[in-house]
Protein backbone atom coordinates (compact mmCIF):
# COMPACT_ATOMS: atom_id res chain seq x y z
CA MET A 1 -4.83 -27.29 -37.61
CA THR A 2 -3.04 -24.06 -36.65
CA LEU A 3 0.47 -23.51 -37.74
CA THR A 4 3.08 -21.78 -35.66
CA ARG A 5 6.93 -21.46 -35.94
CA CYS A 6 9.46 -23.55 -34.31
CA ARG A 7 11.37 -21.78 -31.53
CA ARG A 8 14.65 -22.87 -32.76
CA CYS A 9 14.68 -22.87 -36.65
CA ARG A 10 11.53 -20.64 -37.06
CA GLN A 11 10.07 -23.01 -39.81
CA PRO A 12 6.32 -23.44 -39.85
CA ILE A 13 5.02 -26.48 -37.88
CA LEU A 14 1.82 -27.64 -36.25
CA HIS A 15 1.03 -25.94 -32.93
CA ASP A 16 0.62 -29.28 -31.13
CA ALA A 17 3.75 -30.96 -32.61
CA ARG A 18 5.91 -32.82 -30.16
CA CYS A 19 9.11 -32.23 -32.17
CA CYS A 20 10.09 -30.08 -35.09
CA PRO A 21 10.33 -32.09 -38.40
CA HIS A 22 13.08 -29.67 -39.55
CA CYS A 23 15.55 -29.43 -36.55
CA ALA A 24 14.17 -32.24 -34.31
CA VAL A 25 14.05 -29.97 -31.21
CA ALA A 26 11.55 -31.25 -28.65
CA ARG A 27 8.46 -29.21 -27.94
CA PRO A 28 9.05 -26.68 -30.66
CA SER A 29 6.02 -24.43 -30.02
CA ARG A 30 5.84 -22.18 -27.00
CA LYS A 31 3.26 -22.62 -24.39
CA ARG A 32 1.62 -19.18 -24.38
CA ARG A 33 -1.33 -20.44 -22.32
CA ARG A 34 0.86 -21.46 -19.34
CA THR A 35 2.55 -18.04 -19.54
CA LEU A 36 -0.64 -16.29 -19.49
CA VAL A 37 -2.01 -18.27 -16.56
CA LEU A 38 1.08 -17.60 -14.58
CA ALA A 39 1.07 -13.88 -15.43
CA GLY A 40 -2.56 -13.70 -14.33
CA LEU A 41 -1.74 -15.37 -10.99
CA LEU A 42 1.12 -13.05 -10.41
CA ALA A 43 -1.02 -10.06 -11.28
CA LEU A 44 -3.75 -11.30 -8.90
CA ALA A 45 -1.34 -11.85 -6.08
CA ALA A 46 0.22 -8.34 -6.67
CA ALA A 47 -3.24 -6.69 -6.63
CA LEU A 48 -4.15 -8.50 -3.38
CA ALA A 49 -0.90 -7.42 -1.78
CA LEU A 50 -1.23 -3.84 -2.81
CA GLY A 51 -4.90 -3.73 -1.63
CA ARG A 52 -3.80 -5.06 1.74
CA LEU A 53 -1.05 -2.50 2.05
CA ALA A 54 -3.41 0.39 0.89
CA SER A 55 -5.93 -0.41 3.39
CA GLY A 56 -3.54 0.28 6.34
CA PRO A 57 -3.25 -1.51 9.63
CA PRO A 58 -6.32 -3.23 10.89
CA ALA A 59 -8.53 -1.32 13.24
CA PRO A 60 -7.86 -2.02 16.92
CA VAL A 61 -10.52 -4.02 18.70
CA PRO A 62 -11.98 -2.01 21.54
CA THR A 63 -11.49 -3.53 25.02
CA ILE A 64 -13.92 -3.20 27.76
CA ARG A 65 -12.43 -2.92 31.27
CA PRO A 66 -14.42 -4.39 34.18
CA ALA A 67 -14.85 -0.99 35.82
CA GLU A 68 -16.28 0.52 32.58
CA ALA A 69 -18.62 -2.33 31.85
CA ASN A 70 -22.32 -1.68 32.37
CA VAL A 71 -22.90 -4.79 34.46
CA THR A 72 -24.59 -4.97 37.73
CA THR A 73 -23.52 -7.64 40.21
CA ILE A 74 -26.15 -9.65 42.00
CA PRO A 75 -25.38 -10.11 45.74
CA LYS A 76 -25.58 -13.62 47.06
CA THR A 77 -28.78 -13.69 49.34
CA VAL A 78 -28.96 -17.41 49.75
CA PRO A 79 -29.04 -18.49 53.49
CA ALA A 80 -26.10 -20.57 54.58
CA GLY A 81 -28.30 -23.43 55.79
CA PRO A 82 -30.73 -25.79 53.96
CA LEU A 83 -33.75 -24.13 52.43
CA ARG A 84 -36.91 -24.75 54.47
CA ARG A 85 -40.34 -23.41 53.79
CA PRO A 86 -42.33 -21.89 56.53
CA PRO A 87 -44.96 -24.14 57.95
CA ARG A 88 -48.49 -23.61 56.76
CA ALA A 89 -51.70 -23.78 58.72
CA GLY A 90 -52.98 -27.37 58.76
CA ASP A 91 -49.57 -29.01 58.18
CA GLY A 92 -49.71 -30.52 61.60
CA ALA A 93 -47.73 -27.86 63.21
CA PRO A 94 -49.00 -26.77 66.71
CA GLU A 95 -50.59 -23.47 66.69
């Protein structure tokens, strides 16, 4: 059982007391853990913000123009009509 002091009357009380037995103030002990957590989160947010600012603007994404692209186009060589195979010998075609 850890003793701490009341935030109002400064008398010794238990750290988990719900009210001070001397002055009857509610929650007489200060919540240091909550303060430390909030301070840690604030420091983390500040560090992230400073790191983002220090890194500068993001690098631009290079764009490739169609004229500069190393792409060959394939010409359309498909005949306009239906595809037919040439007749073979022995298919019944007259010679």
